[in-house]
Amino acid sequence: MSQTIELGDVSVTRILEFYGPVGLRPETFFPGIPSTVWEEEETARLRPDFVDGATGVVKAATQTWVVRSEGRTILIDTGAGDHKERPYSPVWGHRNTGYLDRLAAAGVTPQDVDVVVNTHLHVDHVGWNTRLEGRSWVPTFPRAVYLMARDDFDFWNPANERRSVLGRGNQNVFEDSVAPVHEAGQTLLWEGSHRIDGNLRLDLAAGHTPGSSVVTLESGTDRALFVGDLLHSPAQVVRPDCNSCFCEDPAGARASRRRLLGWASDHRALVVPAHFGGHGALEVERTASAFAVKTWAPLSRAMPTGGAGVAR
């Protein structure tokens, strides 16, 4: 197995930035699932890929999906980034991850990237939008168009003074990882839906954040959904009404999750969450009341990278 799969005429490669324990126990990360359920049922099912066997805390990844489609290179999400100042999310601050080296090992330089998709604008999804050059933040991918949902751009813009369940957890993120790209004229702020190319489409799936979005891949007979943070754990496949503690609109997140898991089941689509360790992606099937894991993607298991973080 490898870190690349072929879906129709499209190739998808996984680039890990971080994978390991994220400091929160399952009952804290997913407050809708009682601790007794985790202890009696979910822990055994989710070890070792999604729950750390030694500590019992959640394991998660920050990663980029490199999508090569119609002659272009597209990145879906850019992780937490290096050298960022994160006073209220210190686990993501002042990191040195080797991410660009891993990207280069997959045959991608910053100049090769045509499109960057941010599924939403949380701290651990936009960090490599920019890199530090001297004392300034500049776009990491100088030729790329950065696709951001306008709803998220407006929500996280400090000038709009919106309240978030994160409190100050996303502080500095807009200023160092979003605004420099926008000021460089490289953003496309889309609304509703956006066609990337003949194989790929962006659609809003609000709930986790106001502008949370999903990339739908359709090529030949193959289908995939890059669902961002609609799923943080396979436990949410079995219990799709369970949100993470980071969802801005709990009801909206539940509705988006059920809708997209239903579509994936009906169309035999690969579901590709932002933070899954293990094999990274999965197919789902319907059950009497919800969904179940049908099979895992033919990707190599993620190996721990060290460090710690909290996947938002």
C-alpha atoms as a PDB file:
ATOM      1  CA  MET A   1       0.000   0.000   0.000  1.00  0.00           C
ATOM      2  CA  SER A   2       1.048   3.629  -0.530  1.00  0.00           C
ATOM      3  CA  GLN A   3      -0.115   7.153   0.209  1.00  0.00           C
ATOM      4  CA  THR A   4      -1.580   7.640  -3.301  1.00  0.00           C
ATOM      5  CA  ILE A   5      -4.810   6.315  -4.747  1.00  0.00           C
ATOM      6  CA  GLU A   6      -6.318   6.684  -8.213  1.00  0.00           C
ATOM      7  CA  LEU A   7      -9.971   7.678  -8.573  1.00  0.00           C
ATOM      8  CA  GLY A   8     -10.966   7.708 -12.230  1.00  0.00           C
ATOM      9  CA  ASP A   9      -8.621  10.145 -13.948  1.00  0.00           C
ATOM     10  CA  VAL A  10      -7.677  11.812 -10.650  1.00  0.00           C
ATOM     11  CA  SER A  11      -4.841  10.910  -8.278  1.00  0.00           C
ATOM     12  CA  VAL A  12      -5.002  11.678  -4.562  1.00  0.00           C
ATOM     13  CA  THR A  13      -1.906  11.731  -2.330  1.00  0.00           C
ATOM     14  CA  ARG A  14      -1.860  12.115   1.430  1.00  0.00           C
ATOM     15  CA  ILE A  15       0.724  14.452   3.012  1.00  0.00           C
ATOM     16  CA  LEU A  16       0.918  14.251   6.796  1.00  0.00           C
ATOM     17  CA  GLU A  17       1.883  17.311   8.794  1.00  0.00           C
ATOM     18  CA  PHE A  18       1.156  15.862  12.242  1.00  0.00           C
ATOM     19  CA  TYR A  19      -0.316  12.630  13.589  1.00  0.00           C
ATOM     20  CA  GLY A  20      -0.584  11.616  17.229  1.00  0.00           C
ATOM     21  CA  PRO A  21      -2.460  12.190  20.522  1.00  0.00           C
ATOM     22  CA  VAL A  22      -4.199  15.558  20.682  1.00  0.00           C
ATOM     23  CA  GLY A  23      -4.599  16.032  24.422  1.00  0.00           C
ATOM     24  CA  LEU A  24      -8.375  15.572  24.779  1.00  0.00           C
ATOM     25  CA  ARG A  25     -10.199  12.505  26.015  1.00  0.00           C
ATOM     26  CA  PRO A  26     -13.038  11.257  23.786  1.00  0.00           C
ATOM     27  CA  GLU A  27     -15.792  12.325  26.189  1.00  0.00           C
ATOM     28  CA  THR A  28     -14.430  15.895  26.103  1.00  0.00           C
ATOM     29  CA  PHE A  29     -13.833  15.997  22.348  1.00  0.00           C
ATOM     30  CA  PHE A  30     -17.283  14.468  21.678  1.00  0.00           C
ATOM     31  CA  PRO A  31     -19.519  15.560  24.558  1.00  0.00           C
ATOM     32  CA  GLY A  32     -22.586  13.931  23.020  1.00  0.00           C
ATOM     33  CA  ILE A  33     -21.198  10.426  23.611  1.00  0.00           C
ATOM     34  CA  PRO A  34     -21.239   9.352  27.296  1.00  0.00           C
ATOM     35  CA  SER A  35     -17.929   8.255  28.793  1.00  0.00           C
ATOM     36  CA  THR A  36     -19.356   4.822  29.550  1.00  0.00           C
ATOM     37  CA  VAL A  37     -19.900   4.227  25.838  1.00  0.00           C
ATOM     38  CA  TRP A  38     -16.276   5.040  25.076  1.00  0.00           C
ATOM     39  CA  GLU A  39     -15.049   2.788  27.865  1.00  0.00           C
ATOM     40  CA  GLU A  40     -17.247  -0.186  27.004  1.00  0.00           C
ATOM     41  CA  GLU A  41     -17.463  -0.040  23.219  1.00  0.00           C
ATOM     42  CA  GLU A  42     -15.644   2.662  21.257  1.00  0.00           C
ATOM     43  CA  THR A  43     -12.207   2.498  22.858  1.00  0.00           C
ATOM     44  CA  ALA A  44     -11.626  -1.102  21.822  1.00  0.00           C
ATOM     45  CA  ARG A  45     -12.851  -0.393  18.292  1.00  0.00           C
ATOM     46  CA  LEU A  46     -10.787   2.763  17.795  1.00  0.00           C
ATOM     47  CA  ARG A  47      -7.417   1.709  19.197  1.00  0.00           C
ATOM     48  CA  PRO A  48      -4.703   2.217  18.038  1.00  0.00           C
ATOM     49  CA  ASP A  49      -5.521   4.579  15.143  1.00  0.00           C
ATOM     50  CA  PHE A  50      -8.033   6.920  16.781  1.00  0.00           C
ATOM     51  CA  VAL A  51      -7.507   6.524  20.523  1.00  0.00           C
ATOM     52  CA  ASP A  52      -4.082   6.328  22.152  1.00  0.00           C
ATOM     53  CA  GLY A  53      -3.724   3.023  23.978  1.00  0.00           C
ATOM     54  CA  ALA A  54      -1.430   4.385  26.671  1.00  0.00           C
ATOM     55  CA  THR A  55      -3.321   7.539  27.617  1.00  0.00           C
ATOM     56  CA  GLY A  56      -6.862   7.023  26.326  1.00  0.00           C
ATOM     57  CA  VAL A  57      -6.873  10.374  24.529  1.00  0.00           C
ATOM     58  CA  VAL A  58      -7.965  11.013  20.961  1.00  0.00           C
ATOM     59  CA  LYS A  59      -5.415  10.645  18.166  1.00  0.00           C
ATOM     60  CA  ALA A  60      -5.770  12.786  15.046  1.00  0.00           C
ATOM     61  CA  ALA A  61      -3.856  14.027  12.020  1.00  0.00           C
ATOM     62  CA  THR A  62      -3.350  17.348  10.322  1.00  0.00           C
ATOM     63  CA  GLN A  63      -2.743  16.677   6.666  1.00  0.00           C
ATOM     64  CA  THR A  64      -3.078  17.863   3.099  1.00  0.00           C
ATOM     65  CA  TRP A  65      -4.686  15.923   0.279  1.00  0.00           C
ATOM     66  CA  VAL A  66      -2.833  16.557  -2.985  1.00  0.00           C
ATOM     67  CA  VAL A  67      -5.276  16.144  -5.848  1.00  0.00           C
ATOM     68  CA  ARG A  68      -3.982  16.013  -9.419  1.00  0.00           C
ATOM     69  CA  SER A  69      -6.822  16.637 -11.843  1.00  0.00           C
ATOM     70  CA  GLU A  70      -6.979  17.844 -15.455  1.00  0.00           C
ATOM     71  CA  GLY A  71      -3.286  18.729 -15.438  1.00  0.00           C
ATOM     72  CA  ARG A  72      -3.430  20.842 -12.279  1.00  0.00           C
ATOM     73  CA  THR A  73      -2.190  20.323  -8.722  1.00  0.00           C
ATOM     74  CA  ILE A  74      -4.757  21.079  -6.019  1.00  0.00           C
ATOM     75  CA  LEU A  75      -4.163  21.063  -2.262  1.00  0.00           C
ATOM     76  CA  ILE A  76      -7.060  20.430   0.106  1.00  0.00           C
ATOM     77  CA  ASP A  77      -6.260  22.061   3.473  1.00  0.00           C
ATOM     78  CA  THR A  78      -2.812  23.159   4.620  1.00  0.00           C
ATOM     79  CA  GLY A  79      -2.467  22.141   8.270  1.00  0.00           C
ATOM     80  CA  ALA A  80      -1.236  24.287  11.147  1.00  0.00           C
ATOM     81  CA  GLY A  81       1.919  25.747   9.609  1.00  0.00           C
ATOM     82  CA  ASP A  82       5.292  26.606  11.090  1.00  0.00           C
ATOM     83  CA  HIS A  83       6.486  29.510  13.267  1.00  0.00           C
ATOM     84  CA  LYS A  84       2.957  30.766  13.986  1.00  0.00           C
ATOM     85  CA  GLU A  85       2.131  32.747  17.131  1.00  0.00           C
ATOM     86  CA  ARG A  86      -0.837  31.015  18.800  1.00  0.00           C
ATOM     87  CA  PRO A  87      -1.249  32.447  22.332  1.00  0.00           C
ATOM     88  CA  TYR A  88      -4.615  30.730  22.892  1.00  0.00           C
ATOM     89  CA  SER A  89      -3.815  27.541  20.955  1.00  0.00           C
ATOM     90  CA  PRO A  90      -0.202  27.014  22.039  1.00  0.00           C
ATOM     91  CA  VAL A  91      -0.092  23.426  20.798  1.00  0.00           C
ATOM     92  CA  TRP A  92      -0.138  24.833  17.254  1.00  0.00           C
ATOM     93  CA  GLY A  93       2.352  27.611  17.886  1.00  0.00           C
ATOM     94  CA  HIS A  94       6.026  27.811  16.899  1.00  0.00           C
ATOM     95  CA  ARG A  95       6.024  24.461  15.138  1.00  0.00           C
ATOM     96  CA  ASN A  96       8.702  23.082  12.828  1.00  0.00           C
ATOM     97  CA  THR A  97       7.076  20.179  11.030  1.00  0.00           C
ATOM     98  CA  GLY A  98       9.053  19.426   7.874  1.00  0.00           C
ATOM     99  CA  TYR A  99       5.821  19.676   5.923  1.00  0.00           C
ATOM    100  CA  LEU A 100       7.318  21.255   2.808  1.00  0.00           C
ATOM    101  CA  ASP A 101       9.928  18.487   2.671  1.00  0.00           C
ATOM    102  CA  ARG A 102       7.167  15.868   2.737  1.00  0.00           C
ATOM    103  CA  LEU A 103       5.351  17.755   0.002  1.00  0.00           C
ATOM    104  CA  ALA A 104       8.552  17.830  -2.065  1.00  0.00           C
ATOM    105  CA  ALA A 105       9.008  14.084  -1.536  1.00  0.00           C
ATOM    106  CA  ALA A 106       5.613  13.654  -3.203  1.00  0.00           C
ATOM    107  CA  GLY A 107       6.884  15.647  -6.194  1.00  0.00           C
ATOM    108  CA  VAL A 108       5.220  18.970  -5.354  1.00  0.00           C
ATOM    109  CA  THR A 109       7.051  22.275  -4.915  1.00  0.00           C
ATOM    110  CA  PRO A 110       5.238  25.453  -3.836  1.00  0.00           C
ATOM    111  CA  GLN A 111       5.505  26.763  -7.418  1.00  0.00           C
ATOM    112  CA  ASP A 112       3.723  23.647  -8.735  1.00  0.00           C
ATOM    113  CA  VAL A 113       0.471  24.312  -6.870  1.00  0.00           C
ATOM    114  CA  ASP A 114      -2.390  25.737  -8.923  1.00  0.00           C
ATOM    115  CA  VAL A 115      -5.237  25.716  -6.383  1.00  0.00           C
ATOM    116  CA  VAL A 116      -5.470  25.634  -2.584  1.00  0.00           C
ATOM    117  CA  VAL A 117      -8.815  24.695  -1.012  1.00  0.00           C
ATOM    118  CA  ASN A 118      -9.415  25.617   2.621  1.00  0.00           C
ATOM    119  CA  THR A 119     -12.401  23.532   3.722  1.00  0.00           C
ATOM    120  CA  HIS A 120     -12.776  26.070   6.554  1.00  0.00           C
ATOM    121  CA  LEU A 121     -10.598  28.650   8.264  1.00  0.00           C
ATOM    122  CA  HIS A 122      -9.689  27.017  11.573  1.00  0.00           C
ATOM    123  CA  VAL A 123      -6.123  27.251  12.870  1.00  0.00           C
ATOM    124  CA  ASP A 124      -5.186  23.704  11.761  1.00  0.00           C
ATOM    125  CA  HIS A 125      -6.490  23.996   8.188  1.00  0.00           C
ATOM    126  CA  VAL A 126      -4.864  27.185   6.874  1.00  0.00           C
ATOM    127  CA  GLY A 127      -1.412  27.358   8.471  1.00  0.00           C
ATOM    128  CA  TRP A 128       0.643  26.586   5.384  1.00  0.00           C
ATOM    129  CA  ASN A 129      -1.301  29.130   3.356  1.00  0.00           C
ATOM    130  CA  THR A 130       1.621  31.364   4.292  1.00  0.00           C
ATOM    131  CA  ARG A 131       5.262  31.089   5.306  1.00  0.00           C
ATOM    132  CA  LEU A 132       7.548  33.473   7.148  1.00  0.00           C
ATOM    133  CA  GLU A 133       9.876  35.467   4.884  1.00  0.00           C
ATOM    134  CA  GLY A 134      12.042  37.726   7.001  1.00  0.00           C
ATOM    135  CA  ARG A 135       9.471  39.337   9.276  1.00  0.00           C
ATOM    136  CA  SER A 136       6.514  39.066   6.886  1.00  0.00           C
ATOM    137  CA  TRP A 137       3.955  36.399   6.121  1.00  0.00           C
ATOM    138  CA  VAL A 138       3.791  35.670   2.390  1.00  0.00           C
ATOM    139  CA  PRO A 139       1.765  33.136   0.382  1.00  0.00           C
ATOM    140  CA  THR A 140       3.506  29.766   0.439  1.00  0.00           C
ATOM    141  CA  PHE A 141       2.148  28.878  -2.998  1.00  0.00           C
ATOM    142  CA  PRO A 142       2.889  31.920  -5.170  1.00  0.00           C
ATOM    143  CA  ARG A 143       0.968  30.794  -8.287  1.00  0.00           C
ATOM    144  CA  ALA A 144      -2.078  29.336  -6.564  1.00  0.00           C
ATOM    145  CA  VAL A 145      -5.645  30.532  -6.323  1.00  0.00           C
ATOM    146  CA  TYR A 146      -6.820  30.050  -2.729  1.00  0.00           C
ATOM    147  CA  LEU A 147     -10.483  29.046  -2.530  1.00  0.00           C
ATOM    148  CA  MET A 148     -12.228  30.182   0.662  1.00  0.00           C
ATOM    149  CA  ALA A 149     -15.916  30.263   1.440  1.00  0.00           C
ATOM    150  CA  ARG A 150     -17.023  33.868   1.852  1.00  0.00           C
ATOM    151  CA  ASP A 151     -19.136  32.881   4.873  1.00  0.00           C
ATOM    152  CA  ASP A 152     -16.023  31.719   6.722  1.00  0.00           C
ATOM    153  CA  PHE A 153     -13.907  34.633   5.513  1.00  0.00           C
ATOM    154  CA  ASP A 154     -16.458  37.066   6.930  1.00  0.00           C
ATOM    155  CA  PHE A 155     -17.006  35.085  10.145  1.00  0.00           C
ATOM    156  CA  TRP A 156     -13.305  34.913  11.048  1.00  0.00           C
ATOM    157  CA  ASN A 157     -12.403  38.433   9.944  1.00  0.00           C
ATOM    158  CA  PRO A 158     -11.611  40.190  13.258  1.00  0.00           C
ATOM    159  CA  ALA A 159     -13.107  43.422  11.914  1.00  0.00           C
ATOM    160  CA  ASN A 160     -16.548  41.773  12.080  1.00  0.00           C
ATOM    161  CA  GLU A 161     -16.222  40.864  15.778  1.00  0.00           C
ATOM    162  CA  ARG A 162     -18.115  37.554  15.547  1.00  0.00           C
ATOM    163  CA  ARG A 163     -18.343  35.322  18.629  1.00  0.00           C
ATOM    164  CA  SER A 164     -17.031  31.750  18.366  1.00  0.00           C
ATOM    165  CA  VAL A 165     -17.215  28.604  20.481  1.00  0.00           C
ATOM    166  CA  LEU A 166     -13.403  28.632  20.248  1.00  0.00           C
ATOM    167  CA  GLY A 167     -13.219  31.850  22.244  1.00  0.00           C
ATOM    168  CA  ARG A 168      -9.812  33.237  21.285  1.00  0.00           C
ATOM    169  CA  GLY A 169      -8.566  29.889  19.994  1.00  0.00           C
ATOM    170  CA  ASN A 170      -8.344  31.148  16.420  1.00  0.00           C
ATOM    171  CA  GLN A 171      -6.566  34.383  17.350  1.00  0.00           C
ATOM    172  CA  ASN A 172      -3.942  35.594  14.827  1.00  0.00           C
ATOM    173  CA  VAL A 173      -5.019  33.006  12.245  1.00  0.00           C
ATOM    174  CA  PHE A 174      -6.812  35.457   9.970  1.00  0.00           C
ATOM    175  CA  GLU A 175      -3.996  37.974  10.248  1.00  0.00           C
ATOM    176  CA  ASP A 176      -1.100  35.615   9.459  1.00  0.00           C
ATOM    177  CA  SER A 177      -2.656  32.870   7.327  1.00  0.00           C
ATOM    178  CA  VAL A 178      -5.636  34.432   5.513  1.00  0.00           C
ATOM    179  CA  ALA A 179      -5.184  38.194   5.136  1.00  0.00           C
ATOM    180  CA  PRO A 180      -1.713  38.006   3.499  1.00  0.00           C
ATOM    181  CA  VAL A 181      -3.083  35.759   0.766  1.00  0.00           C
ATOM    182  CA  HIS A 182      -6.090  38.006   0.255  1.00  0.00           C
ATOM    183  CA  GLU A 183      -3.935  41.124   0.138  1.00  0.00           C
ATOM    184  CA  ALA A 184      -1.730  39.432  -2.471  1.00  0.00           C
ATOM    185  CA  GLY A 185      -4.803  39.068  -4.712  1.00  0.00           C
ATOM    186  CA  GLN A 186      -4.738  35.259  -4.607  1.00  0.00           C
ATOM    187  CA  THR A 187      -8.088  34.477  -2.952  1.00  0.00           C
ATOM    188  CA  LEU A 188     -11.349  33.562  -4.611  1.00  0.00           C
ATOM    189  CA  LEU A 189     -14.206  33.992  -2.130  1.00  0.00           C
ATOM    190  CA  TRP A 190     -16.971  31.708  -3.332  1.00  0.00           C
ATOM    191  CA  GLU A 191     -20.598  31.401  -2.238  1.00  0.00           C
ATOM    192  CA  GLY A 192     -23.009  28.477  -2.393  1.00  0.00           C
ATOM    193  CA  SER A 193     -20.974  26.222  -4.675  1.00  0.00           C
ATOM    194  CA  HIS A 194     -17.944  26.480  -6.933  1.00  0.00           C
ATOM    195  CA  ARG A 195     -16.839  24.284  -9.822  1.00  0.00           C
ATOM    196  CA  ILE A 196     -13.074  23.685  -9.602  1.00  0.00           C
ATOM    197  CA  ASP A 197     -12.887  21.619 -12.796  1.00  0.00           C
ATOM    198  CA  GLY A 198     -14.739  18.842 -14.564  1.00  0.00           C
ATOM    199  CA  ASN A 199     -13.955  16.384 -11.762  1.00  0.00           C
ATOM    200  CA  LEU A 200     -14.188  18.550  -8.640  1.00  0.00           C
ATOM    201  CA  ARG A 201     -16.862  20.747  -7.077  1.00  0.00           C
ATOM    202  CA  LEU A 202     -17.007  22.731  -3.828  1.00  0.00           C
ATOM    203  CA  ASP A 203     -20.242  22.983  -1.843  1.00  0.00           C
ATOM    204  CA  LEU A 204     -21.141  24.537   1.481  1.00  0.00           C
ATOM    205  CA  ALA A 205     -21.811  22.108   4.321  1.00  0.00           C
ATOM    206  CA  ALA A 206     -22.276  24.588   7.147  1.00  0.00           C
ATOM    207  CA  GLY A 207     -22.353  23.645  10.808  1.00  0.00           C
ATOM    208  CA  HIS A 208     -18.821  23.053  12.029  1.00  0.00           C
ATOM    209  CA  THR A 209     -18.216  26.638  10.891  1.00  0.00           C
ATOM    210  CA  PRO A 210     -20.515  28.911   8.853  1.00  0.00           C
ATOM    211  CA  GLY A 211     -18.442  28.329   5.725  1.00  0.00           C
ATOM    212  CA  SER A 212     -17.444  24.696   6.190  1.00  0.00           C
ATOM    213  CA  SER A 213     -17.301  23.086   2.772  1.00  0.00           C
ATOM    214  CA  VAL A 214     -16.969  19.729   1.050  1.00  0.00           C
ATOM    215  CA  VAL A 215     -15.109  18.845  -2.143  1.00  0.00           C
ATOM    216  CA  THR A 216     -16.971  16.324  -4.287  1.00  0.00           C
ATOM    217  CA  LEU A 217     -14.858  14.272  -6.709  1.00  0.00           C
ATOM    218  CA  GLU A 218     -16.606  12.527  -9.587  1.00  0.00           C
ATOM    219  CA  SER A 219     -14.434  10.908 -12.260  1.00  0.00           C
ATOM    220  CA  GLY A 220     -15.500   7.930 -14.338  1.00  0.00           C
ATOM    221  CA  THR A 221     -17.307   5.565 -11.975  1.00  0.00           C
ATOM    222  CA  ASP A 222     -15.412   6.761  -8.899  1.00  0.00           C
ATOM    223  CA  ARG A 223     -16.711   9.153  -6.255  1.00  0.00           C
ATOM    224  CA  ALA A 224     -15.163  10.780  -3.187  1.00  0.00           C
ATOM    225  CA  LEU A 225     -16.133  13.407  -0.617  1.00  0.00           C
ATOM    226  CA  PHE A 226     -13.465  15.461   1.135  1.00  0.00           C
ATOM    227  CA  VAL A 227     -15.539  16.352   4.179  1.00  0.00           C
ATOM    228  CA  GLY A 228     -13.162  18.504   6.244  1.00  0.00           C
ATOM    229  CA  ASP A 229     -14.233  18.429   9.902  1.00  0.00           C
ATOM    230  CA  LEU A 230     -17.687  16.920   9.494  1.00  0.00           C
ATOM    231  CA  LEU A 231     -15.980  13.811  10.895  1.00  0.00           C
ATOM    232  CA  HIS A 232     -13.215  13.694  13.489  1.00  0.00           C
ATOM    233  CA  SER A 233     -13.709  10.037  14.433  1.00  0.00           C
ATOM    234  CA  PRO A 234     -15.301   6.844  13.076  1.00  0.00           C
ATOM    235  CA  ALA A 235     -17.531   7.038  16.152  1.00  0.00           C
ATOM    236  CA  GLN A 236     -19.440   9.799  14.333  1.00  0.00           C
ATOM    237  CA  VAL A 237     -20.222   7.410  11.476  1.00  0.00           C
ATOM    238  CA  VAL A 238     -22.019   5.127  13.907  1.00  0.00           C
ATOM    239  CA  ARG A 239     -23.482   8.125  15.772  1.00  0.00           C
ATOM    240  CA  PRO A 240     -23.876  10.880  13.148  1.00  0.00           C
ATOM    241  CA  ASP A 241     -25.757  13.147  15.549  1.00  0.00           C
ATOM    242  CA  CYS A 242     -22.610  13.446  17.683  1.00  0.00           C
ATOM    243  CA  ASN A 243     -20.631  16.654  17.123  1.00  0.00           C
ATOM    244  CA  SER A 244     -17.168  17.639  18.209  1.00  0.00           C
ATOM    245  CA  CYS A 245     -16.925  20.312  20.882  1.00  0.00           C
ATOM    246  CA  PHE A 246     -15.686  22.761  18.207  1.00  0.00           C
ATOM    247  CA  CYS A 247     -18.880  23.021  16.113  1.00  0.00           C
ATOM    248  CA  GLU A 248     -20.321  26.538  15.833  1.00  0.00           C
ATOM    249  CA  ASP A 249     -23.826  25.359  14.843  1.00  0.00           C
ATOM    250  CA  PRO A 250     -24.511  21.919  16.349  1.00  0.00           C
ATOM    251  CA  ALA A 251     -27.835  21.377  14.557  1.00  0.00           C
ATOM    252  CA  GLY A 252     -26.352  22.409  11.225  1.00  0.00           C
ATOM    253  CA  ALA A 253     -23.344  20.124  11.713  1.00  0.00           C
ATOM    254  CA  ARG A 254     -25.587  17.142  12.448  1.00  0.00           C
ATOM    255  CA  ALA A 255     -27.732  17.808   9.380  1.00  0.00           C
ATOM    256  CA  SER A 256     -24.712  18.215   7.086  1.00  0.00           C
ATOM    257  CA  ARG A 257     -23.107  15.041   8.441  1.00  0.00           C
ATOM    258  CA  ARG A 258     -26.199  12.892   7.942  1.00  0.00           C
ATOM    259  CA  ARG A 259     -26.822  14.290   4.463  1.00  0.00           C
ATOM    260  CA  LEU A 260     -23.289  13.692   3.239  1.00  0.00           C
ATOM    261  CA  LEU A 261     -22.908  10.252   4.809  1.00  0.00           C
ATOM    262  CA  GLY A 262     -26.174   9.321   3.105  1.00  0.00           C
ATOM    263  CA  TRP A 263     -24.899  10.550  -0.274  1.00  0.00           C
ATOM    264  CA  ALA A 264     -21.608   8.715   0.197  1.00  0.00           C
ATOM    265  CA  SER A 265     -23.394   5.486   1.074  1.00  0.00           C
ATOM    266  CA  ASP A 266     -25.799   5.723  -1.868  1.00  0.00           C
ATOM    267  CA  HIS A 267     -23.021   6.551  -4.377  1.00  0.00           C
ATOM    268  CA  ARG A 268     -20.306   4.255  -2.978  1.00  0.00           C
ATOM    269  CA  ALA A 269     -18.142   7.331  -2.459  1.00  0.00           C
ATOM    270  CA  LEU A 270     -14.905   7.350  -0.532  1.00  0.00           C
ATOM    271  CA  VAL A 271     -15.217   9.639   2.521  1.00  0.00           C
ATOM    272  CA  VAL A 272     -12.022  11.616   3.178  1.00  0.00           C
ATOM    273  CA  PRO A 273     -12.017  13.493   6.512  1.00  0.00           C
ATOM    274  CA  ALA A 274      -9.390  16.074   7.356  1.00  0.00           C
ATOM    275  CA  HIS A 275      -8.105  14.532  10.578  1.00  0.00           C
ATOM    276  CA  PHE A 276      -8.346  10.748  10.314  1.00  0.00           C
ATOM    277  CA  GLY A 277      -5.213   8.802  11.125  1.00  0.00           C
ATOM    278  CA  GLY A 278      -5.048   5.117  10.311  1.00  0.00           C
ATOM    279  CA  HIS A 279      -5.843   4.538   6.651  1.00  0.00           C
ATOM    280  CA  GLY A 280      -7.180   8.086   6.365  1.00  0.00           C
ATOM    281  CA  ALA A 281     -10.373   7.506   4.378  1.00  0.00           C
ATOM    282  CA  LEU A 282     -13.271   5.058   4.296  1.00  0.00           C
ATOM    283  CA  GLU A 283     -16.418   3.837   2.587  1.00  0.00           C
ATOM    284  CA  VAL A 284     -19.639   3.824   4.600  1.00  0.00           C
ATOM    285  CA  GLU A 285     -22.910   1.920   4.403  1.00  0.00           C
ATOM    286  CA  ARG A 286     -26.364   2.500   5.818  1.00  0.00           C
ATOM    287  CA  THR A 287     -27.670   0.672   8.879  1.00  0.00           C
ATOM    288  CA  ALA A 288     -31.179   0.643  10.306  1.00  0.00           C
ATOM    289  CA  SER A 289     -30.671   3.923  12.158  1.00  0.00           C
ATOM    290  CA  ALA A 290     -27.370   5.397  11.001  1.00  0.00           C
ATOM    291  CA  PHE A 291     -24.209   4.256   9.171  1.00  0.00           C
ATOM    292  CA  ALA A 292     -21.267   1.911   9.568  1.00  0.00           C
ATOM    293  CA  VAL A 293     -17.721   1.632   8.302  1.00  0.00           C
ATOM    294  CA  LYS A 294     -17.831  -0.590   5.210  1.00  0.00           C
ATOM    295  CA  THR A 295     -14.134  -0.629   4.311  1.00  0.00           C
ATOM    296  CA  TRP A 296     -10.982   1.455   4.682  1.00  0.00           C
ATOM    297  CA  ALA A 297      -9.085   3.106   1.836  1.00  0.00           C
ATOM    298  CA  PRO A 298      -6.056   1.267   0.419  1.00  0.00           C
ATOM    299  CA  LEU A 299      -3.645   3.784   1.959  1.00  0.00           C
ATOM    300  CA  SER A 300      -0.740   2.981   4.252  1.00  0.00           C
ATOM    301  CA  ARG A 301      -1.461   3.478   7.943  1.00  0.00           C
ATOM    302  CA  ALA A 302      -0.338   6.868   9.233  1.00  0.00           C
ATOM    303  CA  MET A 303       2.734   6.743  11.478  1.00  0.00           C
ATOM    304  CA  PRO A 304       3.102   9.069  14.506  1.00  0.00           C
ATOM    305  CA  THR A 305       5.024  12.261  13.739  1.00  0.00           C
ATOM    306  CA  GLY A 306       5.607  13.425  17.330  1.00  0.00           C
ATOM    307  CA  GLY A 307       4.440  16.638  18.977  1.00  0.00           C
ATOM    308  CA  ALA A 308       0.901  17.375  20.116  1.00  0.00           C
ATOM    309  CA  GLY A 309      -2.069  19.369  18.997  1.00  0.00           C
ATOM    310  CA  VAL A 310      -5.807  19.727  19.137  1.00  0.00           C
ATOM    311  CA  ALA A 311      -7.674  19.065  15.884  1.00  0.00           C
ATOM    312  CA  ARG A 312     -10.373  21.688  15.528  1.00  0.00           C
END
